[in-house]
Amino acid sequence: MHPSHAIYVSTQNLVSYLAENLSLLHELEEYHNIAGQAEDEYMPGYPPMSPLTTSYFTHWAFFDLRFGKDRETIGTSLLDIGSEIGIHKGYIELIRLLQKSRIGLYSHQGLEGKSVLLYEIFTKRQYRCHVGSGYTGRKNEIWFVRVTPPPFGLDDTNIVIMTPYIMIETLKEDWEDYFNSLPRIGIDPPFFVIICRSSPSEASSHLIIP
């Protein structure tokens, strides 16, 4: 693995272990029910059996799925209690970076060595990325992915930490027109119901973004 990707995988494994144990607590019953029902419905894996890859689902379950009156996530909960339960400060910083990450739509700008250059259509920012799944794609593809910054400033390479979904039958200009038609409130892009595929060799499928 790329060193930065390995660091994030280690962090995800820690969060998964803690989430599995914390979700048994009465206080997290709502989270347990929502995540469990979603897992039963979507059966994350890979198309054509499921529209959701495991990497997409796990990051959604830990860092996007909100529950309780304060709309917490597993990530924000661990940030609140991390020092009290003995999580190393380095892992706390990595959880913070994962919690800040989000799904975005990117235009593939080509390769720079082994890195992929991705231009986020909504924010109009470009990122130099290592793709953890190993798929480097083709220029002008539209990717639906989660990108995280390099941990601890190790280098200037961002990490695509989920299997890329490749948008089909749409162009960068189509998405730019769509985003430009929306009110610009904050920086969070809207949610979508889209048609995608996880790689050019796999059949397309409907993906509902929770």
N, C-alpha and C. Protein backbone atom coordinates (compact mmCIF):
# COMPACT_ATOMS: atom_id res chain seq x y z
N MET A 1 0.83 -1.20 0.00
CA MET A 1 0.00 0.00 0.00
C MET A 1 0.87 1.26 0.00
N HIS A 2 0.32 2.32 -0.60
CA HIS A 2 0.91 3.64 -0.43
C HIS A 2 0.91 3.95 1.07
N PRO A 3 2.00 4.51 1.61
CA PRO A 3 2.07 4.73 3.07
C PRO A 3 0.88 5.52 3.63
N SER A 4 0.45 6.56 2.93
CA SER A 4 -0.67 7.36 3.43
C SER A 4 -1.97 6.56 3.40
N HIS A 5 -2.14 5.73 2.36
CA HIS A 5 -3.33 4.89 2.30
C HIS A 5 -3.31 3.87 3.43
N ALA A 6 -2.14 3.29 3.72
CA ALA A 6 -2.03 2.32 4.79
C ALA A 6 -2.40 2.94 6.14
N ILE A 7 -2.02 4.19 6.35
CA ILE A 7 -2.35 4.88 7.60
C ILE A 7 -3.87 5.02 7.74
N TYR A 8 -4.54 5.38 6.66
CA TYR A 8 -6.00 5.52 6.71
C TYR A 8 -6.69 4.17 6.89
N VAL A 9 -6.16 3.13 6.26
CA VAL A 9 -6.74 1.80 6.43
C VAL A 9 -6.62 1.36 7.89
N SER A 10 -5.47 1.61 8.50
CA SER A 10 -5.29 1.29 9.92
C SER A 10 -6.31 2.04 10.77
N THR A 11 -6.53 3.30 10.46
CA THR A 11 -7.50 4.11 11.21
C THR A 11 -8.91 3.57 11.02
N GLN A 12 -9.26 3.22 9.79
CA GLN A 12 -10.58 2.68 9.53
C GLN A 12 -10.79 1.37 10.29
N ASN A 13 -9.76 0.53 10.36
CA ASN A 13 -9.87 -0.71 11.11
C ASN A 13 -10.12 -0.44 12.60
N LEU A 14 -9.43 0.56 13.14
CA LEU A 14 -9.65 0.93 14.54
C LEU A 14 -11.08 1.43 14.74
N VAL A 15 -11.54 2.31 13.86
CA VAL A 15 -12.90 2.85 13.98
C VAL A 15 -13.92 1.73 13.86
N SER A 16 -13.69 0.79 12.95
CA SER A 16 -14.61 -0.33 12.77
C SER A 16 -14.70 -1.16 14.05
N TYR A 17 -13.56 -1.44 14.67
CA TYR A 17 -13.55 -2.20 15.92
C TYR A 17 -14.32 -1.46 17.01
N LEU A 18 -14.05 -0.17 17.15
CA LEU A 18 -14.72 0.61 18.20
C LEU A 18 -16.21 0.75 17.91
N ALA A 19 -16.58 0.97 16.63
CA ALA A 19 -17.99 1.11 16.27
C ALA A 19 -18.75 -0.16 16.57
N GLU A 20 -18.14 -1.30 16.29
CA GLU A 20 -18.81 -2.58 16.53
C GLU A 20 -19.14 -2.74 18.01
N ASN A 21 -18.23 -2.33 18.88
CA ASN A 21 -18.44 -2.46 20.31
C ASN A 21 -19.36 -1.35 20.86
N LEU A 22 -19.17 -0.12 20.40
CA LEU A 22 -20.00 0.98 20.89
C LEU A 22 -21.45 0.84 20.47
N SER A 23 -21.67 0.25 19.29
CA SER A 23 -23.04 0.14 18.78
C SER A 23 -23.90 -0.78 19.63
N LEU A 24 -23.29 -1.54 20.54
CA LEU A 24 -24.05 -2.40 21.43
C LEU A 24 -24.60 -1.64 22.63
N LEU A 25 -24.10 -0.41 22.85
CA LEU A 25 -24.57 0.39 23.97
C LEU A 25 -25.98 0.91 23.69
N HIS A 26 -26.76 1.08 24.75
CA HIS A 26 -28.12 1.58 24.62
C HIS A 26 -28.14 2.95 23.94
N GLU A 27 -27.14 3.78 24.25
CA GLU A 27 -27.11 5.14 23.71
C GLU A 27 -26.95 5.16 22.19
N LEU A 28 -26.44 4.09 21.63
CA LEU A 28 -26.23 4.03 20.18
C LEU A 28 -27.21 3.08 19.50
N GLU A 29 -28.32 2.80 20.15
CA GLU A 29 -29.30 1.88 19.57
C GLU A 29 -29.84 2.41 18.24
N GLU A 30 -30.07 3.72 18.16
CA GLU A 30 -30.58 4.30 16.90
C GLU A 30 -29.59 4.08 15.77
N TYR A 31 -28.30 4.33 16.06
CA TYR A 31 -27.28 4.09 15.04
C TYR A 31 -27.25 2.63 14.62
N HIS A 32 -27.27 1.73 15.59
CA HIS A 32 -27.23 0.30 15.30
C HIS A 32 -28.38 -0.11 14.39
N ASN A 33 -29.57 0.43 14.65
CA ASN A 33 -30.74 0.07 13.85
C ASN A 33 -30.63 0.60 12.42
N ILE A 34 -30.22 1.87 12.28
CA ILE A 34 -30.13 2.48 10.94
C ILE A 34 -29.06 1.78 10.11
N ALA A 35 -27.86 1.63 10.69
CA ALA A 35 -26.76 1.02 9.95
C ALA A 35 -27.08 -0.43 9.61
N GLY A 36 -27.68 -1.15 10.55
CA GLY A 36 -28.02 -2.55 10.30
C GLY A 36 -29.04 -2.71 9.20
N GLN A 37 -30.08 -1.86 9.21
CA GLN A 37 -31.11 -1.93 8.17
C GLN A 37 -30.52 -1.59 6.81
N ALA A 38 -29.63 -0.58 6.76
CA ALA A 38 -29.00 -0.21 5.50
C ALA A 38 -28.12 -1.34 4.97
N GLU A 39 -27.39 -1.99 5.86
CA GLU A 39 -26.53 -3.10 5.44
C GLU A 39 -27.36 -4.27 4.91
N ASP A 40 -28.50 -4.55 5.59
CA ASP A 40 -29.38 -5.63 5.13
C ASP A 40 -29.99 -5.30 3.77
N GLU A 41 -30.34 -4.02 3.56
CA GLU A 41 -31.00 -3.64 2.30
C GLU A 41 -30.04 -3.61 1.13
N TYR A 42 -28.85 -3.04 1.34
CA TYR A 42 -27.92 -2.84 0.21
C TYR A 42 -26.89 -3.94 0.08
N MET A 43 -26.67 -4.73 1.14
CA MET A 43 -25.69 -5.81 1.11
C MET A 43 -24.40 -5.38 0.43
N PRO A 44 -23.69 -4.40 1.01
CA PRO A 44 -22.52 -3.82 0.33
C PRO A 44 -21.51 -4.87 -0.08
N GLY A 45 -21.01 -4.69 -1.27
CA GLY A 45 -20.02 -5.58 -1.86
C GLY A 45 -19.56 -4.95 -3.16
N TYR A 46 -20.02 -5.49 -4.27
CA TYR A 46 -19.70 -4.91 -5.57
C TYR A 46 -20.84 -5.23 -6.55
N PRO A 47 -21.04 -4.34 -7.55
CA PRO A 47 -21.99 -4.68 -8.61
C PRO A 47 -21.56 -5.98 -9.30
N PRO A 48 -22.49 -6.76 -9.84
CA PRO A 48 -23.93 -6.46 -9.93
C PRO A 48 -24.74 -6.90 -8.71
N MET A 49 -24.12 -7.52 -7.71
CA MET A 49 -24.88 -7.98 -6.56
C MET A 49 -25.38 -6.81 -5.70
N SER A 50 -24.61 -5.75 -5.62
CA SER A 50 -24.97 -4.60 -4.81
C SER A 50 -24.50 -3.33 -5.49
N PRO A 51 -25.27 -2.23 -5.39
CA PRO A 51 -24.81 -0.96 -5.96
C PRO A 51 -23.75 -0.28 -5.10
N LEU A 52 -23.54 -0.75 -3.88
CA LEU A 52 -22.62 -0.09 -2.97
C LEU A 52 -21.39 -0.95 -2.73
N THR A 53 -20.21 -0.37 -2.93
CA THR A 53 -18.99 -1.07 -2.58
C THR A 53 -18.81 -1.04 -1.06
N THR A 54 -18.03 -1.96 -0.55
CA THR A 54 -17.77 -2.01 0.88
C THR A 54 -17.10 -0.73 1.36
N SER A 55 -16.15 -0.21 0.57
CA SER A 55 -15.43 1.00 0.98
C SER A 55 -16.36 2.21 1.03
N TYR A 56 -17.33 2.27 0.11
CA TYR A 56 -18.31 3.37 0.17
C TYR A 56 -19.15 3.25 1.43
N PHE A 57 -19.67 2.05 1.68
CA PHE A 57 -20.63 1.86 2.77
C PHE A 57 -19.98 2.10 4.14
N THR A 58 -18.76 1.58 4.35
CA THR A 58 -18.15 1.71 5.66
C THR A 58 -17.85 3.17 6.00
N HIS A 59 -17.36 3.94 5.04
CA HIS A 59 -17.09 5.35 5.32
C HIS A 59 -18.39 6.13 5.54
N TRP A 60 -19.43 5.77 4.81
CA TRP A 60 -20.74 6.40 5.05
C TRP A 60 -21.21 6.07 6.46
N ALA A 61 -21.13 4.79 6.84
CA ALA A 61 -21.64 4.36 8.14
C ALA A 61 -20.89 5.01 9.30
N PHE A 62 -19.59 5.26 9.16
CA PHE A 62 -18.81 5.80 10.26
C PHE A 62 -18.77 7.33 10.29
N PHE A 63 -18.81 7.97 9.11
CA PHE A 63 -18.55 9.41 9.07
C PHE A 63 -19.66 10.26 8.46
N ASP A 64 -20.68 9.64 7.88
CA ASP A 64 -21.79 10.39 7.29
C ASP A 64 -23.12 10.14 7.98
N LEU A 65 -23.33 8.92 8.46
CA LEU A 65 -24.60 8.55 9.07
C LEU A 65 -24.77 9.26 10.41
N ARG A 66 -25.79 10.13 10.48
CA ARG A 66 -26.03 10.91 11.70
C ARG A 66 -27.20 10.33 12.47
N PHE A 67 -27.10 10.43 13.80
CA PHE A 67 -28.11 9.84 14.66
C PHE A 67 -28.20 10.66 15.95
N GLY A 68 -29.30 10.46 16.68
CA GLY A 68 -29.47 11.13 17.97
C GLY A 68 -29.88 12.57 17.82
N LYS A 69 -30.26 13.18 18.93
CA LYS A 69 -30.76 14.56 18.89
C LYS A 69 -29.70 15.56 18.45
N ASP A 70 -28.43 15.24 18.68
CA ASP A 70 -27.34 16.15 18.29
C ASP A 70 -26.76 15.81 16.92
N ARG A 71 -27.37 14.84 16.22
CA ARG A 71 -26.95 14.46 14.87
C ARG A 71 -25.46 14.13 14.84
N GLU A 72 -25.07 13.23 15.73
CA GLU A 72 -23.69 12.79 15.80
C GLU A 72 -23.41 11.72 14.74
N THR A 73 -22.14 11.45 14.52
CA THR A 73 -21.70 10.28 13.75
C THR A 73 -20.79 9.45 14.66
N ILE A 74 -20.44 8.27 14.21
CA ILE A 74 -19.44 7.51 14.95
C ILE A 74 -18.15 8.32 15.04
N GLY A 75 -17.80 8.99 13.96
CA GLY A 75 -16.58 9.79 13.95
C GLY A 75 -16.61 10.91 14.98
N THR A 76 -17.69 11.70 15.00
CA THR A 76 -17.75 12.81 15.97
C THR A 76 -17.81 12.28 17.40
N SER A 77 -18.46 11.13 17.59
CA SER A 77 -18.52 10.54 18.93
C SER A 77 -17.12 10.16 19.41
N LEU A 78 -16.33 9.54 18.52
CA LEU A 78 -14.97 9.16 18.89
C LEU A 78 -14.09 10.37 19.13
N LEU A 79 -14.32 11.44 18.39
CA LEU A 79 -13.55 12.66 18.63
C LEU A 79 -13.87 13.24 20.01
N ASP A 80 -15.13 13.09 20.44
CA ASP A 80 -15.54 13.61 21.75
C ASP A 80 -14.95 12.81 22.91
N ILE A 81 -14.86 11.49 22.74
CA ILE A 81 -14.46 10.63 23.87
C ILE A 81 -13.09 10.01 23.68
N GLY A 82 -12.44 10.31 22.57
CA GLY A 82 -11.20 9.62 22.21
C GLY A 82 -10.13 9.67 23.29
N SER A 83 -9.86 10.85 23.82
CA SER A 83 -8.80 10.96 24.83
C SER A 83 -9.17 10.22 26.11
N GLU A 84 -10.48 10.19 26.44
CA GLU A 84 -10.92 9.51 27.66
C GLU A 84 -10.79 8.00 27.57
N ILE A 85 -10.92 7.44 26.37
CA ILE A 85 -10.83 5.98 26.24
C ILE A 85 -9.46 5.53 25.73
N GLY A 86 -8.52 6.47 25.68
CA GLY A 86 -7.14 6.11 25.41
C GLY A 86 -6.74 6.02 23.96
N ILE A 87 -7.51 6.62 23.04
CA ILE A 87 -7.10 6.63 21.64
C ILE A 87 -5.89 7.56 21.49
N HIS A 88 -4.87 7.11 20.82
CA HIS A 88 -3.66 7.91 20.62
C HIS A 88 -4.02 9.19 19.87
N LYS A 89 -3.35 10.27 20.21
CA LYS A 89 -3.66 11.57 19.61
C LYS A 89 -3.46 11.56 18.09
N GLY A 90 -2.54 10.71 17.61
CA GLY A 90 -2.35 10.59 16.17
C GLY A 90 -3.58 10.02 15.49
N TYR A 91 -4.17 8.99 16.10
CA TYR A 91 -5.40 8.41 15.56
C TYR A 91 -6.56 9.40 15.66
N ILE A 92 -6.61 10.18 16.72
CA ILE A 92 -7.67 11.18 16.85
C ILE A 92 -7.60 12.18 15.70
N GLU A 93 -6.38 12.60 15.35
CA GLU A 93 -6.22 13.51 14.22
C GLU A 93 -6.66 12.88 12.91
N LEU A 94 -6.36 11.60 12.73
CA LEU A 94 -6.76 10.90 11.51
C LEU A 94 -8.29 10.73 11.45
N ILE A 95 -8.90 10.44 12.58
CA ILE A 95 -10.38 10.36 12.62
C ILE A 95 -10.98 11.71 12.26
N ARG A 96 -10.36 12.79 12.75
CA ARG A 96 -10.84 14.13 12.40
C ARG A 96 -10.79 14.37 10.89
N LEU A 97 -9.70 13.95 10.25
CA LEU A 97 -9.58 14.12 8.80
C LEU A 97 -10.62 13.30 8.06
N LEU A 98 -10.86 12.08 8.51
CA LEU A 98 -11.88 11.24 7.87
C LEU A 98 -13.27 11.82 8.08
N GLN A 99 -13.52 12.37 9.28
CA GLN A 99 -14.82 12.96 9.54
C GLN A 99 -15.06 14.19 8.66
N LYS A 100 -14.01 14.94 8.37
CA LYS A 100 -14.14 16.12 7.51
C LYS A 100 -14.28 15.76 6.03
N SER A 101 -13.90 14.54 5.66
CA SER A 101 -13.96 14.15 4.25
C SER A 101 -15.41 13.97 3.82
N ARG A 102 -15.64 13.97 2.53
CA ARG A 102 -16.99 13.81 1.99
C ARG A 102 -16.90 13.30 0.56
N ILE A 103 -18.01 12.81 0.08
CA ILE A 103 -18.12 12.38 -1.31
C ILE A 103 -18.15 13.61 -2.21
N GLY A 104 -17.53 13.52 -3.38
CA GLY A 104 -17.58 14.60 -4.35
C GLY A 104 -17.55 14.07 -5.77
N LEU A 105 -17.87 14.94 -6.71
CA LEU A 105 -17.81 14.62 -8.14
C LEU A 105 -16.57 15.29 -8.73
N TYR A 106 -15.74 14.48 -9.39
CA TYR A 106 -14.46 14.96 -9.89
C TYR A 106 -14.30 14.64 -11.37
N SER A 107 -13.63 15.54 -12.07
CA SER A 107 -13.27 15.30 -13.47
C SER A 107 -11.81 14.83 -13.52
N HIS A 108 -11.60 13.69 -14.16
CA HIS A 108 -10.26 13.11 -14.30
C HIS A 108 -9.47 13.97 -15.27
N GLN A 109 -8.34 14.52 -14.80
CA GLN A 109 -7.53 15.44 -15.61
C GLN A 109 -6.28 14.78 -16.19
N GLY A 110 -6.15 13.48 -16.01
CA GLY A 110 -4.98 12.78 -16.53
C GLY A 110 -4.07 12.32 -15.41
N LEU A 111 -2.94 11.75 -15.79
CA LEU A 111 -1.99 11.19 -14.83
C LEU A 111 -0.76 12.08 -14.70
N GLU A 112 -0.19 12.06 -13.50
CA GLU A 112 1.08 12.71 -13.23
C GLU A 112 1.95 11.66 -12.55
N GLY A 113 2.76 10.97 -13.34
CA GLY A 113 3.45 9.80 -12.83
C GLY A 113 2.44 8.72 -12.50
N LYS A 114 2.44 8.24 -11.26
CA LYS A 114 1.47 7.23 -10.84
C LYS A 114 0.24 7.85 -10.18
N SER A 115 0.23 9.17 -10.08
CA SER A 115 -0.88 9.86 -9.42
C SER A 115 -1.94 10.28 -10.43
N VAL A 116 -3.18 10.39 -9.95
CA VAL A 116 -4.30 10.84 -10.76
C VAL A 116 -4.61 12.28 -10.38
N LEU A 117 -4.78 13.13 -11.37
CA LEU A 117 -5.17 14.51 -11.13
C LEU A 117 -6.69 14.60 -11.22
N LEU A 118 -7.32 14.99 -10.13
CA LEU A 118 -8.78 15.10 -10.07
C LEU A 118 -9.19 16.54 -9.80
N TYR A 119 -10.14 17.01 -10.58
CA TYR A 119 -10.67 18.37 -10.45
C TYR A 119 -12.08 18.27 -9.90
N GLU A 120 -12.31 18.78 -8.68
CA GLU A 120 -13.64 18.71 -8.09
C GLU A 120 -14.54 19.74 -8.76
N ILE A 121 -15.60 19.27 -9.36
CA ILE A 121 -16.45 20.13 -10.19
C ILE A 121 -17.18 21.18 -9.37
N PHE A 122 -17.62 20.81 -8.17
CA PHE A 122 -18.40 21.75 -7.37
C PHE A 122 -17.53 22.86 -6.78
N THR A 123 -16.37 22.51 -6.20
CA THR A 123 -15.52 23.50 -5.56
C THR A 123 -14.49 24.12 -6.51
N LYS A 124 -14.33 23.51 -7.68
CA LYS A 124 -13.37 23.98 -8.69
C LYS A 124 -11.93 23.92 -8.16
N ARG A 125 -11.62 22.85 -7.43
CA ARG A 125 -10.26 22.65 -6.92
C ARG A 125 -9.67 21.38 -7.51
N GLN A 126 -8.36 21.40 -7.72
CA GLN A 126 -7.69 20.22 -8.28
C GLN A 126 -6.85 19.54 -7.21
N TYR A 127 -6.83 18.19 -7.26
CA TYR A 127 -6.11 17.40 -6.27
C TYR A 127 -5.23 16.36 -6.99
N ARG A 128 -4.03 16.18 -6.46
CA ARG A 128 -3.13 15.12 -6.92
C ARG A 128 -3.35 13.93 -6.00
N CYS A 129 -3.74 12.79 -6.57
CA CYS A 129 -4.26 11.70 -5.74
C CYS A 129 -3.61 10.34 -6.03
N HIS A 130 -3.48 9.56 -4.98
CA HIS A 130 -3.24 8.13 -5.09
C HIS A 130 -4.58 7.45 -4.90
N VAL A 131 -4.88 6.47 -5.77
CA VAL A 131 -6.15 5.75 -5.71
C VAL A 131 -5.92 4.41 -5.03
N GLY A 132 -6.52 4.24 -3.86
CA GLY A 132 -6.26 3.05 -3.07
C GLY A 132 -6.66 1.75 -3.76
N SER A 133 -7.71 1.79 -4.60
CA SER A 133 -8.17 0.57 -5.27
C SER A 133 -7.26 0.15 -6.41
N GLY A 134 -6.38 1.05 -6.85
CA GLY A 134 -5.47 0.74 -7.95
C GLY A 134 -5.99 1.12 -9.32
N TYR A 135 -7.26 1.54 -9.42
CA TYR A 135 -7.81 1.93 -10.72
C TYR A 135 -7.45 3.38 -11.00
N THR A 136 -6.68 3.62 -12.07
CA THR A 136 -6.24 4.98 -12.37
C THR A 136 -7.09 5.67 -13.42
N GLY A 137 -7.94 4.93 -14.12
CA GLY A 137 -8.94 5.55 -14.99
C GLY A 137 -8.40 6.18 -16.25
N ARG A 138 -9.27 6.99 -16.86
CA ARG A 138 -8.93 7.66 -18.11
C ARG A 138 -9.29 9.13 -18.02
N LYS A 139 -8.55 9.94 -18.73
CA LYS A 139 -8.79 11.37 -18.74
C LYS A 139 -10.23 11.66 -19.19
N ASN A 140 -10.85 12.62 -18.54
CA ASN A 140 -12.21 13.12 -18.80
C ASN A 140 -13.31 12.23 -18.20
N GLU A 141 -12.94 11.13 -17.53
CA GLU A 141 -13.96 10.40 -16.79
C GLU A 141 -14.48 11.27 -15.65
N ILE A 142 -15.72 11.06 -15.26
CA ILE A 142 -16.29 11.73 -14.11
C ILE A 142 -16.34 10.72 -12.97
N TRP A 143 -15.64 11.04 -11.88
CA TRP A 143 -15.54 10.14 -10.74
C TRP A 143 -16.40 10.64 -9.59
N PHE A 144 -17.02 9.70 -8.89
CA PHE A 144 -17.78 9.97 -7.67
C PHE A 144 -17.02 9.26 -6.55
N VAL A 145 -16.25 10.03 -5.76
CA VAL A 145 -15.33 9.43 -4.79
C VAL A 145 -15.19 10.29 -3.54
N ARG A 146 -14.57 9.69 -2.53
CA ARG A 146 -14.19 10.40 -1.30
C ARG A 146 -12.68 10.58 -1.30
N VAL A 147 -12.23 11.82 -1.14
CA VAL A 147 -10.81 12.14 -1.17
C VAL A 147 -10.39 12.67 0.20
N THR A 148 -9.28 12.17 0.73
CA THR A 148 -8.75 12.65 2.01
C THR A 148 -7.38 13.27 1.80
N PRO A 149 -7.01 14.23 2.65
CA PRO A 149 -5.70 14.88 2.50
C PRO A 149 -4.58 13.97 2.97
N PRO A 150 -3.33 14.27 2.60
CA PRO A 150 -2.20 13.47 3.08
C PRO A 150 -2.11 13.57 4.60
N PRO A 151 -2.05 12.45 5.32
CA PRO A 151 -1.99 12.51 6.78
C PRO A 151 -0.65 13.03 7.29
N PHE A 152 -0.70 13.86 8.31
CA PHE A 152 0.49 14.37 8.99
C PHE A 152 1.45 15.10 8.04
N GLY A 153 0.94 15.57 6.89
CA GLY A 153 1.79 16.29 5.95
C GLY A 153 2.92 15.46 5.39
N LEU A 154 2.70 14.14 5.24
CA LEU A 154 3.77 13.25 4.77
C LEU A 154 4.28 13.63 3.40
N ASP A 155 3.36 14.02 2.51
CA ASP A 155 3.73 14.44 1.17
C ASP A 155 2.59 15.30 0.64
N ASP A 156 2.53 15.48 -0.67
CA ASP A 156 1.47 16.32 -1.24
C ASP A 156 0.42 15.48 -1.97
N THR A 157 0.35 14.18 -1.65
CA THR A 157 -0.57 13.29 -2.36
C THR A 157 -1.81 13.03 -1.52
N ASN A 158 -2.97 13.37 -2.07
CA ASN A 158 -4.25 13.05 -1.44
C ASN A 158 -4.58 11.59 -1.72
N ILE A 159 -5.52 11.04 -0.96
CA ILE A 159 -5.85 9.63 -1.08
C ILE A 159 -7.32 9.46 -1.44
N VAL A 160 -7.57 8.75 -2.55
CA VAL A 160 -8.93 8.32 -2.88
C VAL A 160 -9.16 7.03 -2.11
N ILE A 161 -9.97 7.09 -1.05
CA ILE A 161 -10.04 5.97 -0.12
C ILE A 161 -11.24 5.06 -0.36
N MET A 162 -11.90 5.21 -1.49
CA MET A 162 -12.96 4.28 -1.86
C MET A 162 -12.84 3.93 -3.33
N THR A 163 -13.41 2.81 -3.71
CA THR A 163 -13.40 2.42 -5.12
C THR A 163 -14.13 3.47 -5.94
N PRO A 164 -13.51 4.01 -7.00
CA PRO A 164 -14.20 5.06 -7.77
C PRO A 164 -15.46 4.54 -8.46
N TYR A 165 -16.50 5.35 -8.40
CA TYR A 165 -17.67 5.15 -9.24
C TYR A 165 -17.49 6.03 -10.47
N ILE A 166 -17.70 5.46 -11.66
CA ILE A 166 -17.53 6.19 -12.90
C ILE A 166 -18.91 6.61 -13.42
N MET A 167 -19.11 7.91 -13.52
CA MET A 167 -20.38 8.43 -14.01
C MET A 167 -20.45 8.20 -15.53
N ILE A 168 -21.57 7.71 -16.01
CA ILE A 168 -21.71 7.45 -17.43
C ILE A 168 -22.77 8.37 -18.03
N GLU A 169 -22.60 8.66 -19.31
CA GLU A 169 -23.54 9.45 -20.09
C GLU A 169 -23.71 10.87 -19.54
N THR A 170 -22.68 11.38 -18.84
CA THR A 170 -22.67 12.78 -18.42
C THR A 170 -21.28 13.33 -18.65
N LEU A 171 -21.21 14.64 -18.86
CA LEU A 171 -19.95 15.33 -19.07
C LEU A 171 -19.68 16.30 -17.92
N LYS A 172 -18.44 16.73 -17.81
CA LYS A 172 -18.07 17.73 -16.80
C LYS A 172 -18.94 18.96 -16.95
N GLU A 173 -19.19 19.38 -18.19
CA GLU A 173 -19.98 20.59 -18.43
C GLU A 173 -21.42 20.42 -17.95
N ASP A 174 -21.96 19.21 -18.05
CA ASP A 174 -23.32 18.96 -17.56
C ASP A 174 -23.41 19.20 -16.06
N TRP A 175 -22.42 18.70 -15.32
CA TRP A 175 -22.43 18.87 -13.87
C TRP A 175 -22.15 20.32 -13.49
N GLU A 176 -21.28 21.00 -14.23
CA GLU A 176 -21.03 22.41 -13.95
C GLU A 176 -22.30 23.22 -14.11
N ASP A 177 -23.04 22.97 -15.18
CA ASP A 177 -24.30 23.67 -15.39
C ASP A 177 -25.28 23.39 -14.27
N TYR A 178 -25.31 22.13 -13.82
CA TYR A 178 -26.23 21.76 -12.75
C TYR A 178 -25.86 22.48 -11.45
N PHE A 179 -24.57 22.43 -11.07
CA PHE A 179 -24.15 23.06 -9.84
C PHE A 179 -24.33 24.58 -9.89
N ASN A 180 -24.06 25.18 -11.05
CA ASN A 180 -24.21 26.62 -11.17
C ASN A 180 -25.66 27.07 -11.05
N SER A 181 -26.59 26.15 -11.27
CA SER A 181 -28.01 26.50 -11.17
C SER A 181 -28.52 26.45 -9.73
N LEU A 182 -27.67 25.96 -8.80
CA LEU A 182 -28.10 25.79 -7.41
C LEU A 182 -27.66 26.98 -6.57
N PRO A 183 -28.41 27.30 -5.51
CA PRO A 183 -27.94 28.32 -4.56
C PRO A 183 -26.65 27.87 -3.90
N ARG A 184 -25.69 28.75 -3.75
CA ARG A 184 -24.40 28.39 -3.17
C ARG A 184 -24.46 28.63 -1.66
N ILE A 185 -24.95 27.66 -0.93
CA ILE A 185 -25.06 27.76 0.53
C ILE A 185 -23.99 26.84 1.12
N GLY A 186 -22.96 27.44 1.74
CA GLY A 186 -21.86 26.64 2.24
C GLY A 186 -21.09 26.03 1.08
N ILE A 187 -20.45 24.88 1.32
CA ILE A 187 -19.70 24.22 0.25
C ILE A 187 -20.15 22.79 0.03
N ASP A 188 -21.13 22.32 0.79
CA ASP A 188 -21.53 20.93 0.66
C ASP A 188 -22.38 20.72 -0.57
N PRO A 189 -21.99 19.81 -1.44
CA PRO A 189 -22.79 19.53 -2.62
C PRO A 189 -24.07 18.81 -2.24
N PRO A 190 -25.09 18.86 -3.09
CA PRO A 190 -26.34 18.18 -2.79
C PRO A 190 -26.21 16.68 -2.92
N PHE A 191 -27.22 15.95 -2.46
CA PHE A 191 -27.25 14.51 -2.63
C PHE A 191 -27.89 14.17 -3.98
N PHE A 192 -27.62 12.98 -4.49
CA PHE A 192 -28.07 12.62 -5.82
C PHE A 192 -28.69 11.25 -5.84
N VAL A 193 -29.54 11.02 -6.83
CA VAL A 193 -29.85 9.67 -7.29
C VAL A 193 -29.26 9.59 -8.68
N ILE A 194 -28.27 8.73 -8.88
CA ILE A 194 -27.49 8.75 -10.11
C ILE A 194 -27.38 7.36 -10.69
N ILE A 195 -26.91 7.30 -11.93
CA ILE A 195 -26.58 6.03 -12.57
C ILE A 195 -25.07 5.98 -12.71
N CYS A 196 -24.47 4.88 -12.25
CA CYS A 196 -23.02 4.82 -12.23
C CYS A 196 -22.56 3.39 -12.38
N ARG A 197 -21.26 3.21 -12.46
CA ARG A 197 -20.67 1.88 -12.41
C ARG A 197 -19.35 2.02 -11.68
N SER A 198 -18.93 0.95 -11.02
CA SER A 198 -17.73 1.05 -10.20
C SER A 198 -16.46 0.95 -11.03
N SER A 199 -16.52 0.42 -12.24
CA SER A 199 -15.39 0.45 -13.16
C SER A 199 -15.94 0.21 -14.56
N PRO A 200 -15.18 0.60 -15.61
CA PRO A 200 -15.69 0.45 -16.97
C PRO A 200 -16.01 -0.99 -17.34
N SER A 201 -15.42 -1.98 -16.64
CA SER A 201 -15.67 -3.38 -17.02
C SER A 201 -16.90 -3.94 -16.37
N GLU A 202 -17.54 -3.19 -15.47
CA GLU A 202 -18.70 -3.73 -14.77
C GLU A 202 -19.98 -3.09 -15.26
N ALA A 203 -21.07 -3.82 -15.13
CA ALA A 203 -22.36 -3.33 -15.59
C ALA A 203 -22.78 -2.13 -14.77
N SER A 204 -23.46 -1.19 -15.40
CA SER A 204 -23.94 -0.01 -14.70
C SER A 204 -25.09 -0.38 -13.78
N SER A 205 -25.29 0.41 -12.75
CA SER A 205 -26.38 0.14 -11.82
C SER A 205 -26.84 1.45 -11.20
N HIS A 206 -28.05 1.45 -10.63
CA HIS A 206 -28.55 2.61 -9.93
C HIS A 206 -27.89 2.69 -8.57
N LEU A 207 -27.41 3.85 -8.20
CA LEU A 207 -26.81 4.06 -6.88
C LEU A 207 -27.58 5.15 -6.19
N ILE A 208 -28.18 4.84 -5.06
CA ILE A 208 -28.87 5.85 -4.27
C ILE A 208 -27.92 6.32 -3.19
N ILE A 209 -27.62 7.59 -3.20
CA ILE A 209 -26.69 8.14 -2.22
C ILE A 209 -27.49 8.55 -0.99
N PRO A 210 -27.28 7.87 0.15
CA PRO A 210 -28.07 8.18 1.35
C PRO A 210 -27.84 9.60 1.83
